[in-house]
Amino acid sequence: MNNLPKNLKPFFWDYDFNLLSWREDKDLIISRILAQGDWQSILWMRKKVDNDELRNWIVKRQGRGLDPRQLRFWELMLELPHRLVNSWINNQKQGVWHQRNVEPAGKNQKKQRTKIGS
């Protein structure tokens, strides 16, 4: 049996709620509460996690899973560096395609134009 309050159950619809525990599933629980939780669930979590631990948790994950509004809220609440939060938000805006590691198409296209025009 878990030690989680029943009001958290809707946030874990895809898990067997009775098998979750704070000790074993702390990362999952923090992640869900930060991303989807209501004020009551956040207050419960804040009793379990102090500012330093939550700040480190968010920084370690580079804000992943939180939208810009949520990141700005936690930036203010936890005194996260503004430039750091800006970089996370900008990375989210650029998306996965920008973060891939592929040679830019412009180089190949320029070489082809040179060959065709010669």
PDB file of N, CA and C in Angstrom:
ATOM      1  N   MET A   1       0.843  -1.192   0.000  1.00  0.00           N
ATOM      2  CA  MET A   1       0.000   0.000   0.000  1.00  0.00           C
ATOM      3  C   MET A   1       0.882   1.247   0.000  1.00  0.00           C
ATOM      4  N   ASN A   2       0.468   2.272  -0.734  1.00  0.00           N
ATOM      5  CA  ASN A   2       1.288   3.475  -0.846  1.00  0.00           C
ATOM      6  C   ASN A   2       0.976   4.475   0.262  1.00  0.00           C
ATOM      7  N   ASN A   3       1.831   5.480   0.352  1.00  0.00           N
ATOM      8  CA  ASN A   3       1.670   6.509   1.362  1.00  0.00           C
ATOM      9  C   ASN A   3       1.294   7.849   0.735  1.00  0.00           C
ATOM     10  N   LEU A   4       0.715   7.812  -0.449  1.00  0.00           N
ATOM     11  CA  LEU A   4       0.358   9.032  -1.168  1.00  0.00           C
ATOM     12  C   LEU A   4      -1.096   9.413  -0.896  1.00  0.00           C
ATOM     13  N   PRO A   5      -1.378  10.713  -0.833  1.00  0.00           N
ATOM     14  CA  PRO A   5      -2.768  11.136  -0.642  1.00  0.00           C
ATOM     15  C   PRO A   5      -3.630  10.762  -1.848  1.00  0.00           C
ATOM     16  N   LYS A   6      -4.850  10.429  -1.591  1.00  0.00           N
ATOM     17  CA  LYS A   6      -5.766   9.981  -2.657  1.00  0.00           C
ATOM     18  C   LYS A   6      -6.028  11.056  -3.706  1.00  0.00           C
ATOM     19  N   ASN A   7      -5.904  12.331  -3.331  1.00  0.00           N
ATOM     20  CA  ASN A   7      -6.166  13.393  -4.315  1.00  0.00           C
ATOM     21  C   ASN A   7      -5.122  13.419  -5.435  1.00  0.00           C
ATOM     22  N   LEU A   8      -4.032  12.668  -5.292  1.00  0.00           N
ATOM     23  CA  LEU A   8      -3.026  12.588  -6.352  1.00  0.00           C
ATOM     24  C   LEU A   8      -3.367  11.550  -7.421  1.00  0.00           C
ATOM     25  N   LYS A   9      -4.288  10.690  -7.113  1.00  0.00           N
ATOM     26  CA  LYS A   9      -4.605   9.565  -8.006  1.00  0.00           C
ATOM     27  C   LYS A   9      -4.904   9.982  -9.454  1.00  0.00           C
ATOM     28  N   PRO A  10      -5.663  11.056  -9.701  1.00  0.00           N
ATOM     29  CA  PRO A  10      -5.945  11.422 -11.103  1.00  0.00           C
ATOM     30  C   PRO A  10      -4.699  11.730 -11.939  1.00  0.00           C
ATOM     31  N   PHE A  11      -3.615  12.102 -11.304  1.00  0.00           N
ATOM     32  CA  PHE A  11      -2.397  12.433 -12.034  1.00  0.00           C
ATOM     33  C   PHE A  11      -1.609  11.187 -12.450  1.00  0.00           C
ATOM     34  N   PHE A  12      -2.032  10.045 -11.939  1.00  0.00           N
ATOM     35  CA  PHE A  12      -1.326   8.786 -12.214  1.00  0.00           C
ATOM     36  C   PHE A  12      -2.293   7.759 -12.793  1.00  0.00           C
ATOM     37  N   TRP A  13      -3.142   8.198 -13.689  1.00  0.00           N
ATOM     38  CA  TRP A  13      -4.158   7.340 -14.277  1.00  0.00           C
ATOM     39  C   TRP A  13      -3.548   6.153 -15.012  1.00  0.00           C
ATOM     40  N   ASP A  14      -2.301   6.299 -15.490  1.00  0.00           N
ATOM     41  CA  ASP A  14      -1.653   5.248 -16.272  1.00  0.00           C
ATOM     42  C   ASP A  14      -0.772   4.332 -15.421  1.00  0.00           C
ATOM     43  N   TYR A  15      -0.863   4.456 -14.108  1.00  0.00           N
ATOM     44  CA  TYR A  15      -0.129   3.605 -13.172  1.00  0.00           C
ATOM     45  C   TYR A  15      -1.104   2.992 -12.184  1.00  0.00           C
ATOM     46  N   ASP A  16      -0.709   1.882 -11.596  1.00  0.00           N
ATOM     47  CA  ASP A  16      -1.479   1.325 -10.492  1.00  0.00           C
ATOM     48  C   ASP A  16      -1.155   2.172  -9.271  1.00  0.00           C
ATOM     49  N   PHE A  17      -2.051   3.068  -8.930  1.00  0.00           N
ATOM     50  CA  PHE A  17      -1.809   4.049  -7.881  1.00  0.00           C
ATOM     51  C   PHE A  17      -1.451   3.399  -6.548  1.00  0.00           C
ATOM     52  N   ASN A  18      -2.043   2.255  -6.279  1.00  0.00           N
ATOM     53  CA  ASN A  18      -1.790   1.576  -5.006  1.00  0.00           C
ATOM     54  C   ASN A  18      -0.362   1.045  -4.887  1.00  0.00           C
ATOM     55  N   LEU A  19       0.337   0.912  -6.000  1.00  0.00           N
ATOM     56  CA  LEU A  19       1.711   0.410  -5.978  1.00  0.00           C
ATOM     57  C   LEU A  19       2.762   1.520  -5.925  1.00  0.00           C
ATOM     58  N   LEU A  20       2.336   2.757  -6.097  1.00  0.00           N
ATOM     59  CA  LEU A  20       3.281   3.863  -6.060  1.00  0.00           C
ATOM     60  C   LEU A  20       3.663   4.196  -4.622  1.00  0.00           C
ATOM     61  N   SER A  21       4.925   4.590  -4.442  1.00  0.00           N
ATOM     62  CA  SER A  21       5.359   5.046  -3.122  1.00  0.00           C
ATOM     63  C   SER A  21       6.308   6.219  -3.290  1.00  0.00           C
ATOM     64  N   TRP A  22       6.292   7.099  -2.327  1.00  0.00           N
ATOM     65  CA  TRP A  22       7.166   8.266  -2.385  1.00  0.00           C
ATOM     66  C   TRP A  22       8.631   7.843  -2.457  1.00  0.00           C
ATOM     67  N   ARG A  23       9.010   6.906  -1.649  1.00  0.00           N
ATOM     68  CA  ARG A  23      10.406   6.473  -1.583  1.00  0.00           C
ATOM     69  C   ARG A  23      10.880   5.867  -2.907  1.00  0.00           C
ATOM     70  N   GLU A  24      10.066   5.037  -3.527  1.00  0.00           N
ATOM     71  CA  GLU A  24      10.456   4.328  -4.754  1.00  0.00           C
ATOM     72  C   GLU A  24      10.210   5.132  -6.033  1.00  0.00           C
ATOM     73  N   ASP A  25       9.224   6.009  -6.016  1.00  0.00           N
ATOM     74  CA  ASP A  25       8.779   6.681  -7.244  1.00  0.00           C
ATOM     75  C   ASP A  25       8.851   8.201  -7.146  1.00  0.00           C
ATOM     76  N   LYS A  26       9.763   8.689  -6.367  1.00  0.00           N
ATOM     77  CA  LYS A  26       9.873  10.118  -6.086  1.00  0.00           C
ATOM     78  C   LYS A  26       9.999  10.956  -7.362  1.00  0.00           C
ATOM     79  N   ASP A  27      10.890  10.564  -8.283  1.00  0.00           N
ATOM     80  CA  ASP A  27      11.071  11.323  -9.534  1.00  0.00           C
ATOM     81  C   ASP A  27       9.783  11.419 -10.334  1.00  0.00           C
ATOM     82  N   LEU A  28       9.124  10.306 -10.499  1.00  0.00           N
ATOM     83  CA  LEU A  28       7.857  10.280 -11.234  1.00  0.00           C
ATOM     84  C   LEU A  28       6.833  11.187 -10.568  1.00  0.00           C
ATOM     85  N   ILE A  29       6.727  11.095  -9.271  1.00  0.00           N
ATOM     86  CA  ILE A  29       5.719  11.866  -8.539  1.00  0.00           C
ATOM     87  C   ILE A  29       6.006  13.356  -8.644  1.00  0.00           C
ATOM     88  N   ILE A  30       7.250  13.751  -8.453  1.00  0.00           N
ATOM     89  CA  ILE A  30       7.598  15.168  -8.591  1.00  0.00           C
ATOM     90  C   ILE A  30       7.301  15.653  -9.999  1.00  0.00           C
ATOM     91  N   SER A  31       7.691  14.878 -10.982  1.00  0.00           N
ATOM     92  CA  SER A  31       7.476  15.243 -12.376  1.00  0.00           C
ATOM     93  C   SER A  31       6.002  15.468 -12.683  1.00  0.00           C
ATOM     94  N   ARG A  32       5.175  14.539 -12.273  1.00  0.00           N
ATOM     95  CA  ARG A  32       3.740  14.655 -12.552  1.00  0.00           C
ATOM     96  C   ARG A  32       3.109  15.836 -11.817  1.00  0.00           C
ATOM     97  N   ILE A  33       3.484  16.014 -10.575  1.00  0.00           N
ATOM     98  CA  ILE A  33       2.893  17.113  -9.806  1.00  0.00           C
ATOM     99  C   ILE A  33       3.317  18.456 -10.396  1.00  0.00           C
ATOM    100  N   LEU A  34       4.579  18.599 -10.755  1.00  0.00           N
ATOM    101  CA  LEU A  34       5.028  19.860 -11.346  1.00  0.00           C
ATOM    102  C   LEU A  34       4.345  20.129 -12.681  1.00  0.00           C
ATOM    103  N   ALA A  35       4.178  19.120 -13.494  1.00  0.00           N
ATOM    104  CA  ALA A  35       3.619  19.303 -14.841  1.00  0.00           C
ATOM    105  C   ALA A  35       2.094  19.365 -14.857  1.00  0.00           C
ATOM    106  N   GLN A  36       1.432  18.586 -13.990  1.00  0.00           N
ATOM    107  CA  GLN A  36      -0.025  18.448 -14.087  1.00  0.00           C
ATOM    108  C   GLN A  36      -0.771  18.749 -12.792  1.00  0.00           C
ATOM    109  N   GLY A  37      -0.038  18.885 -11.716  1.00  0.00           N
ATOM    110  CA  GLY A  37      -0.666  18.977 -10.402  1.00  0.00           C
ATOM    111  C   GLY A  37      -1.466  20.250 -10.168  1.00  0.00           C
ATOM    112  N   ASP A  38      -2.398  20.152  -9.252  1.00  0.00           N
ATOM    113  CA  ASP A  38      -3.148  21.317  -8.816  1.00  0.00           C
ATOM    114  C   ASP A  38      -2.452  21.918  -7.595  1.00  0.00           C
ATOM    115  N   TRP A  39      -3.001  23.022  -7.093  1.00  0.00           N
ATOM    116  CA  TRP A  39      -2.349  23.719  -5.992  1.00  0.00           C
ATOM    117  C   TRP A  39      -2.236  22.838  -4.747  1.00  0.00           C
ATOM    118  N   GLN A  40      -3.263  22.063  -4.478  1.00  0.00           N
ATOM    119  CA  GLN A  40      -3.249  21.180  -3.305  1.00  0.00           C
ATOM    120  C   GLN A  40      -2.129  20.139  -3.405  1.00  0.00           C
ATOM    121  N   SER A  41      -1.929  19.572  -4.571  1.00  0.00           N
ATOM    122  CA  SER A  41      -0.869  18.573  -4.744  1.00  0.00           C
ATOM    123  C   SER A  41       0.518  19.228  -4.650  1.00  0.00           C
ATOM    124  N   ILE A  42       0.647  20.448  -5.160  1.00  0.00           N
ATOM    125  CA  ILE A  42       1.925  21.152  -5.053  1.00  0.00           C
ATOM    126  C   ILE A  42       2.239  21.450  -3.589  1.00  0.00           C
ATOM    127  N   LEU A  43       1.246  21.870  -2.834  1.00  0.00           N
ATOM    128  CA  LEU A  43       1.462  22.134  -1.405  1.00  0.00           C
ATOM    129  C   LEU A  43       1.897  20.863  -0.677  1.00  0.00           C
ATOM    130  N   TRP A  44       1.278  19.747  -1.014  1.00  0.00           N
ATOM    131  CA  TRP A  44       1.673  18.466  -0.396  1.00  0.00           C
ATOM    132  C   TRP A  44       3.133  18.145  -0.732  1.00  0.00           C
ATOM    133  N   MET A  45       3.489  18.287  -2.009  1.00  0.00           N
ATOM    134  CA  MET A  45       4.851  17.978  -2.444  1.00  0.00           C
ATOM    135  C   MET A  45       5.867  18.896  -1.760  1.00  0.00           C
ATOM    136  N   ARG A  46       5.524  20.162  -1.599  1.00  0.00           N
ATOM    137  CA  ARG A  46       6.450  21.120  -0.989  1.00  0.00           C
ATOM    138  C   ARG A  46       6.746  20.786   0.467  1.00  0.00           C
ATOM    139  N   LYS A  47       5.862  20.044   1.114  1.00  0.00           N
ATOM    140  CA  LYS A  47       6.138  19.575   2.469  1.00  0.00           C
ATOM    141  C   LYS A  47       7.185  18.466   2.456  1.00  0.00           C
ATOM    142  N   LYS A  48       7.289  17.781   1.342  1.00  0.00           N
ATOM    143  CA  LYS A  48       8.226  16.661   1.195  1.00  0.00           C
ATOM    144  C   LYS A  48       9.573  17.081   0.599  1.00  0.00           C
ATOM    145  N   VAL A  49       9.562  18.137  -0.222  1.00  0.00           N
ATOM    146  CA  VAL A  49      10.741  18.543  -0.981  1.00  0.00           C
ATOM    147  C   VAL A  49      11.059  20.004  -0.654  1.00  0.00           C
ATOM    148  N   ASP A  50      12.256  20.267  -0.158  1.00  0.00           N
ATOM    149  CA  ASP A  50      12.620  21.649   0.161  1.00  0.00           C
ATOM    150  C   ASP A  50      13.086  22.385  -1.101  1.00  0.00           C
ATOM    151  N   ASN A  51      13.325  23.676  -0.984  1.00  0.00           N
ATOM    152  CA  ASN A  51      13.701  24.505  -2.135  1.00  0.00           C
ATOM    153  C   ASN A  51      14.955  24.011  -2.835  1.00  0.00           C
ATOM    154  N   ASP A  52      15.984  23.689  -2.068  1.00  0.00           N
ATOM    155  CA  ASP A  52      17.240  23.236  -2.680  1.00  0.00           C
ATOM    156  C   ASP A  52      17.057  21.951  -3.479  1.00  0.00           C
ATOM    157  N   GLU A  53      16.346  21.012  -2.905  1.00  0.00           N
ATOM    158  CA  GLU A  53      16.133  19.736  -3.598  1.00  0.00           C
ATOM    159  C   GLU A  53      15.311  19.933  -4.867  1.00  0.00           C
ATOM    160  N   LEU A  54      14.256  20.750  -4.791  1.00  0.00           N
ATOM    161  CA  LEU A  54      13.423  20.978  -5.966  1.00  0.00           C
ATOM    162  C   LEU A  54      14.188  21.768  -7.029  1.00  0.00           C
ATOM    163  N   ARG A  55      14.959  22.753  -6.610  1.00  0.00           N
ATOM    164  CA  ARG A  55      15.788  23.527  -7.543  1.00  0.00           C
ATOM    165  C   ARG A  55      16.752  22.593  -8.271  1.00  0.00           C
ATOM    166  N   ASN A  56      17.430  21.742  -7.529  1.00  0.00           N
ATOM    167  CA  ASN A  56      18.373  20.791  -8.138  1.00  0.00           C
ATOM    168  C   ASN A  56      17.661  19.826  -9.072  1.00  0.00           C
ATOM    169  N   TRP A  57      16.478  19.398  -8.697  1.00  0.00           N
ATOM    170  CA  TRP A  57      15.700  18.468  -9.524  1.00  0.00           C
ATOM    171  C   TRP A  57      15.382  19.107 -10.876  1.00  0.00           C
ATOM    172  N   ILE A  58      14.926  20.365 -10.849  1.00  0.00           N
ATOM    173  CA  ILE A  58      14.561  21.066 -12.094  1.00  0.00           C
ATOM    174  C   ILE A  58      15.808  21.343 -12.931  1.00  0.00           C
ATOM    175  N   VAL A  59      16.878  21.792 -12.306  1.00  0.00           N
ATOM    176  CA  VAL A  59      18.115  22.108 -13.033  1.00  0.00           C
ATOM    177  C   VAL A  59      18.692  20.850 -13.672  1.00  0.00           C
ATOM    178  N   LYS A  60      18.704  19.758 -12.939  1.00  0.00           N
ATOM    179  CA  LYS A  60      19.241  18.505 -13.470  1.00  0.00           C
ATOM    180  C   LYS A  60      18.517  18.085 -14.746  1.00  0.00           C
ATOM    181  N   ARG A  61      17.233  18.346 -14.807  1.00  0.00           N
ATOM    182  CA  ARG A  61      16.422  17.964 -15.971  1.00  0.00           C
ATOM    183  C   ARG A  61      16.280  19.094 -16.986  1.00  0.00           C
ATOM    184  N   GLN A  62      16.947  20.201 -16.717  1.00  0.00           N
ATOM    185  CA  GLN A  62      16.922  21.360 -17.608  1.00  0.00           C
ATOM    186  C   GLN A  62      15.494  21.802 -17.935  1.00  0.00           C
ATOM    187  N   GLY A  63      14.619  21.694 -16.951  1.00  0.00           N
ATOM    188  CA  GLY A  63      13.247  22.157 -17.110  1.00  0.00           C
ATOM    189  C   GLY A  63      12.363  21.283 -17.976  1.00  0.00           C
ATOM    190  N   ARG A  64      12.883  20.151 -18.436  1.00  0.00           N
ATOM    191  CA  ARG A  64      12.083  19.281 -19.311  1.00  0.00           C
ATOM    192  C   ARG A  64      10.796  18.848 -18.624  1.00  0.00           C
ATOM    193  N   GLY A  65       9.732  18.824 -19.398  1.00  0.00           N
ATOM    194  CA  GLY A  65       8.426  18.418 -18.884  1.00  0.00           C
ATOM    195  C   GLY A  65       7.591  19.580 -18.369  1.00  0.00           C
ATOM    196  N   LEU A  66       8.197  20.758 -18.264  1.00  0.00           N
ATOM    197  CA  LEU A  66       7.471  21.936 -17.796  1.00  0.00           C
ATOM    198  C   LEU A  66       7.323  22.923 -18.943  1.00  0.00           C
ATOM    199  N   ASP A  67       6.151  23.526 -19.049  1.00  0.00           N
ATOM    200  CA  ASP A  67       5.944  24.509 -20.107  1.00  0.00           C
ATOM    201  C   ASP A  67       6.516  25.860 -19.657  1.00  0.00           C
ATOM    202  N   PRO A  68       6.629  26.820 -20.569  1.00  0.00           N
ATOM    203  CA  PRO A  68       7.237  28.113 -20.220  1.00  0.00           C
ATOM    204  C   PRO A  68       6.579  28.806 -19.019  1.00  0.00           C
ATOM    205  N   ARG A  69       5.269  28.750 -18.921  1.00  0.00           N
ATOM    206  CA  ARG A  69       4.576  29.375 -17.794  1.00  0.00           C
ATOM    207  C   ARG A  69       4.990  28.732 -16.479  1.00  0.00           C
ATOM    208  N   GLN A  70       5.050  27.411 -16.463  1.00  0.00           N
ATOM    209  CA  GLN A  70       5.464  26.693 -15.255  1.00  0.00           C
ATOM    210  C   GLN A  70       6.922  26.993 -14.913  1.00  0.00           C
ATOM    211  N   LEU A  71       7.772  27.047 -15.925  1.00  0.00           N
ATOM    212  CA  LEU A  71       9.189  27.365 -15.691  1.00  0.00           C
ATOM    213  C   LEU A  71       9.350  28.763 -15.099  1.00  0.00           C
ATOM    214  N   ARG A  72       8.592  29.720 -15.591  1.00  0.00           N
ATOM    215  CA  ARG A  72       8.664  31.081 -15.052  1.00  0.00           C
ATOM    216  C   ARG A  72       8.204  31.124 -13.591  1.00  0.00           C
ATOM    217  N   PHE A  73       7.162  30.366 -13.275  1.00  0.00           N
ATOM    218  CA  PHE A  73       6.689  30.303 -11.896  1.00  0.00           C
ATOM    219  C   PHE A  73       7.795  29.785 -10.972  1.00  0.00           C
ATOM    220  N   TRP A  74       8.402  28.662 -11.352  1.00  0.00           N
ATOM    221  CA  TRP A  74       9.443  28.070 -10.514  1.00  0.00           C
ATOM    222  C   TRP A  74      10.722  28.897 -10.532  1.00  0.00           C
ATOM    223  N   GLU A  75      10.954  29.618 -11.611  1.00  0.00           N
ATOM    224  CA  GLU A  75      12.088  30.547 -11.641  1.00  0.00           C
ATOM    225  C   GLU A  75      11.957  31.559 -10.500  1.00  0.00           C
ATOM    226  N   LEU A  76      10.764  32.108 -10.344  1.00  0.00           N
ATOM    227  CA  LEU A  76      10.529  33.091  -9.284  1.00  0.00           C
ATOM    228  C   LEU A  76      10.525  32.457  -7.899  1.00  0.00           C
ATOM    229  N   MET A  77       9.861  31.335  -7.774  1.00  0.00           N
ATOM    230  CA  MET A  77       9.717  30.697  -6.461  1.00  0.00           C
ATOM    231  C   MET A  77      11.041  30.162  -5.922  1.00  0.00           C
ATOM    232  N   LEU A  78      11.883  29.644  -6.808  1.00  0.00           N
ATOM    233  CA  LEU A  78      13.121  28.989  -6.383  1.00  0.00           C
ATOM    234  C   LEU A  78      14.373  29.813  -6.698  1.00  0.00           C
ATOM    235  N   GLU A  79      14.143  31.021  -7.216  1.00  0.00           N
ATOM    236  CA  GLU A  79      15.247  31.908  -7.588  1.00  0.00           C
ATOM    237  C   GLU A  79      16.219  31.220  -8.556  1.00  0.00           C
ATOM    238  N   LEU A  80      15.649  30.596  -9.575  1.00  0.00           N
ATOM    239  CA  LEU A  80      16.464  29.991 -10.630  1.00  0.00           C
ATOM    240  C   LEU A  80      17.070  31.109 -11.485  1.00  0.00           C
ATOM    241  N   PRO A  81      18.269  30.933 -12.000  1.00  0.00           N
ATOM    242  CA  PRO A  81      18.880  31.972 -12.845  1.00  0.00           C
ATOM    243  C   PRO A  81      18.033  32.232 -14.093  1.00  0.00           C
ATOM    244  N   HIS A  82      17.744  33.511 -14.323  1.00  0.00           N
ATOM    245  CA  HIS A  82      16.877  33.911 -15.438  1.00  0.00           C
ATOM    246  C   HIS A  82      17.425  33.447 -16.785  1.00  0.00           C
ATOM    247  N   ARG A  83      18.720  33.595 -17.002  1.00  0.00           N
ATOM    248  CA  ARG A  83      19.324  33.189 -18.283  1.00  0.00           C
ATOM    249  C   ARG A  83      19.206  31.681 -18.503  1.00  0.00           C
ATOM    250  N   LEU A  84      19.326  30.933 -17.428  1.00  0.00           N
ATOM    251  CA  LEU A  84      19.216  29.481 -17.527  1.00  0.00           C
ATOM    252  C   LEU A  84      17.807  29.084 -17.941  1.00  0.00           C
ATOM    253  N   VAL A  85      16.817  29.669 -17.303  1.00  0.00           N
ATOM    254  CA  VAL A  85      15.417  29.377 -17.645  1.00  0.00           C
ATOM    255  C   VAL A  85      15.130  29.827 -19.076  1.00  0.00           C
ATOM    256  N   ASN A  86      15.650  30.977 -19.472  1.00  0.00           N
ATOM    257  CA  ASN A  86      15.477  31.433 -20.861  1.00  0.00           C
ATOM    258  C   ASN A  86      16.032  30.414 -21.837  1.00  0.00           C
ATOM    259  N   SER A  87      17.199  29.851 -21.529  1.00  0.00           N
ATOM    260  CA  SER A  87      17.796  28.875 -22.446  1.00  0.00           C
ATOM    261  C   SER A  87      16.935  27.622 -22.548  1.00  0.00           C
ATOM    262  N   TRP A  88      16.344  27.185 -21.440  1.00  0.00           N
ATOM    263  CA  TRP A  88      15.458  26.015 -21.489  1.00  0.00           C
ATOM    264  C   TRP A  88      14.234  26.309 -22.355  1.00  0.00           C
ATOM    265  N   ILE A  89      13.664  27.483 -22.181  1.00  0.00           N
ATOM    266  CA  ILE A  89      12.470  27.850 -22.953  1.00  0.00           C
ATOM    267  C   ILE A  89      12.817  27.964 -24.429  1.00  0.00           C
ATOM    268  N   ASN A  90      13.943  28.570 -24.750  1.00  0.00           N
ATOM    269  CA  ASN A  90      14.364  28.669 -26.155  1.00  0.00           C
ATOM    270  C   ASN A  90      14.601  27.297 -26.763  1.00  0.00           C
ATOM    271  N   ASN A  91      15.199  26.387 -26.009  1.00  0.00           N
ATOM    272  CA  ASN A  91      15.404  25.023 -26.503  1.00  0.00           C
ATOM    273  C   ASN A  91      14.072  24.339 -26.784  1.00  0.00           C
ATOM    274  N   GLN A  92      13.089  24.562 -25.930  1.00  0.00           N
ATOM    275  CA  GLN A  92      11.765  23.981 -26.159  1.00  0.00           C
ATOM    276  C   GLN A  92      11.149  24.525 -27.438  1.00  0.00           C
ATOM    277  N   LYS A  93      11.309  25.822 -27.673  1.00  0.00           N
ATOM    278  CA  LYS A  93      10.732  26.446 -28.867  1.00  0.00           C
ATOM    279  C   LYS A  93      11.368  25.900 -30.144  1.00  0.00           C
ATOM    280  N   GLN A  94      12.670  25.636 -30.081  1.00  0.00           N
ATOM    281  CA  GLN A  94      13.370  25.137 -31.264  1.00  0.00           C
ATOM    282  C   GLN A  94      12.997  23.704 -31.571  1.00  0.00           C
ATOM    283  N   GLY A  95      12.661  22.931 -30.573  1.00  0.00           N
ATOM    284  CA  GLY A  95      12.193  21.577 -30.776  1.00  0.00           C
ATOM    285  C   GLY A  95      13.286  20.571 -31.083  1.00  0.00           C
ATOM    286  N   VAL A  96      12.861  19.367 -31.322  1.00  0.00           N
ATOM    287  CA  VAL A  96      13.756  18.236 -31.529  1.00  0.00           C
ATOM    288  C   VAL A  96      14.560  18.373 -32.813  1.00  0.00           C
ATOM    289  N   TRP A  97      13.956  18.887 -33.875  1.00  0.00           N
ATOM    290  CA  TRP A  97      14.650  18.954 -35.158  1.00  0.00           C
ATOM    291  C   TRP A  97      15.870  19.846 -35.085  1.00  0.00           C
ATOM    292  N   HIS A  98      15.776  20.901 -34.305  1.00  0.00           N
ATOM    293  CA  HIS A  98      16.910  21.812 -34.189  1.00  0.00           C
ATOM    294  C   HIS A  98      18.060  21.170 -33.399  1.00  0.00           C
ATOM    295  N   GLN A  99      17.732  20.296 -32.477  1.00  0.00           N
ATOM    296  CA  GLN A  99      18.732  19.705 -31.599  1.00  0.00           C
ATOM    297  C   GLN A  99      19.434  18.501 -32.210  1.00  0.00           C
ATOM    298  N   ARG A 100      19.006  18.027 -33.362  1.00  0.00           N
ATOM    299  CA  ARG A 100      19.653  16.871 -33.975  1.00  0.00           C
ATOM    300  C   ARG A 100      21.019  17.265 -34.501  1.00  0.00           C
ATOM    301  N   ASN A 101      21.864  16.290 -34.676  1.00  0.00           N
ATOM    302  CA  ASN A 101      23.255  16.538 -35.052  1.00  0.00           C
ATOM    303  C   ASN A 101      23.479  16.082 -36.495  1.00  0.00           C
ATOM    304  N   VAL A 102      23.130  16.954 -37.448  1.00  0.00           N
ATOM    305  CA  VAL A 102      23.232  16.614 -38.863  1.00  0.00           C
ATOM    306  C   VAL A 102      23.948  17.757 -39.580  1.00  0.00           C
ATOM    307  N   GLU A 103      24.728  17.421 -40.606  1.00  0.00           N
ATOM    308  CA  GLU A 103      25.411  18.460 -41.390  1.00  0.00           C
ATOM    309  C   GLU A 103      24.371  19.326 -42.085  1.00  0.00           C
ATOM    310  N   PRO A 104      24.533  20.627 -42.024  1.00  0.00           N
ATOM    311  CA  PRO A 104      23.558  21.531 -42.657  1.00  0.00           C
ATOM    312  C   PRO A 104      23.468  21.278 -44.162  1.00  0.00           C
ATOM    313  N   ALA A 105      22.266  21.377 -44.707  1.00  0.00           N
ATOM    314  CA  ALA A 105      22.031  21.133 -46.132  1.00  0.00           C
ATOM    315  C   ALA A 105      22.698  22.195 -46.992  1.00  0.00           C
ATOM    316  N   GLY A 106      22.872  23.388 -46.472  1.00  0.00           N
ATOM    317  CA  GLY A 106      23.445  24.487 -47.244  1.00  0.00           C
ATOM    318  C   GLY A 106      24.811  24.170 -47.811  1.00  0.00           C
ATOM    319  N   LYS A 107      25.638  23.431 -47.101  1.00  0.00           N
ATOM    320  CA  LYS A 107      26.980  23.100 -47.587  1.00  0.00           C
ATOM    321  C   LYS A 107      26.898  22.248 -48.848  1.00  0.00           C
ATOM    322  N   ASN A 108      26.088  21.207 -48.823  1.00  0.00           N
ATOM    323  CA  ASN A 108      25.966  20.325 -49.980  1.00  0.00           C
ATOM    324  C   ASN A 108      25.341  21.052 -51.165  1.00  0.00           C
ATOM    325  N   GLN A 109      24.343  21.873 -50.901  1.00  0.00           N
ATOM    326  CA  GLN A 109      23.680  22.598 -51.981  1.00  0.00           C
ATOM    327  C   GLN A 109      24.650  23.569 -52.657  1.00  0.00           C
ATOM    328  N   LYS A 110      25.492  24.206 -51.883  1.00  0.00           N
ATOM    329  CA  LYS A 110      26.451  25.152 -52.447  1.00  0.00           C
ATOM    330  C   LYS A 110      27.433  24.421 -53.354  1.00  0.00           C
ATOM    331  N   LYS A 111      27.918  23.273 -52.945  1.00  0.00           N
ATOM    332  CA  LYS A 111      28.840  22.492 -53.764  1.00  0.00           C
ATOM    333  C   LYS A 111      28.161  22.062 -55.063  1.00  0.00           C
ATOM    334  N   GLN A 112      26.904  21.662 -54.978  1.00  0.00           N
ATOM    335  CA  GLN A 112      26.192  21.214 -56.191  1.00  0.00           C
ATOM    336  C   GLN A 112      26.007  22.359 -57.156  1.00  0.00           C
ATOM    337  N   ARG A 113      25.712  23.544 -56.663  1.00  0.00           N
ATOM    338  CA  ARG A 113      25.548  24.684 -57.547  1.00  0.00           C
ATOM    339  C   ARG A 113      26.856  24.988 -58.271  1.00  0.00           C
ATOM    340  N   THR A 114      27.945  24.879 -57.563  1.00  0.00           N
ATOM    341  CA  THR A 114      29.246  25.130 -58.171  1.00  0.00           C
ATOM    342  C   THR A 114      29.515  24.138 -59.288  1.00  0.00           C
ATOM    343  N   LYS A 115      29.202  22.870 -59.061  1.00  0.00           N
ATOM    344  CA  LYS A 115      29.441  21.851 -60.081  1.00  0.00           C
ATOM    345  C   LYS A 115      28.562  22.064 -61.300  1.00  0.00           C
ATOM    346  N   ILE A 116      27.300  22.404 -61.058  1.00  0.00           N
ATOM    347  CA  ILE A 116      26.373  22.573 -62.182  1.00  0.00           C
ATOM    348  C   ILE A 116      26.720  23.812 -62.987  1.00  0.00           C
ATOM    349  N   GLY A 117      27.094  24.881 -62.308  1.00  0.00           N
ATOM    350  CA  GLY A 117      27.402  26.153 -62.981  1.00  0.00           C
ATOM    351  C   GLY A 117      28.757  26.152 -63.669  1.00  0.00           C
ATOM    352  N   SER A 118      29.596  25.184 -63.406  1.00  0.00           N
ATOM    353  CA  SER A 118      30.953  25.178 -63.989  1.00  0.00           C
ATOM    354  C   SER A 118      30.965  24.715 -65.399  1.00  0.00           C
TER     355      SER A 118
END
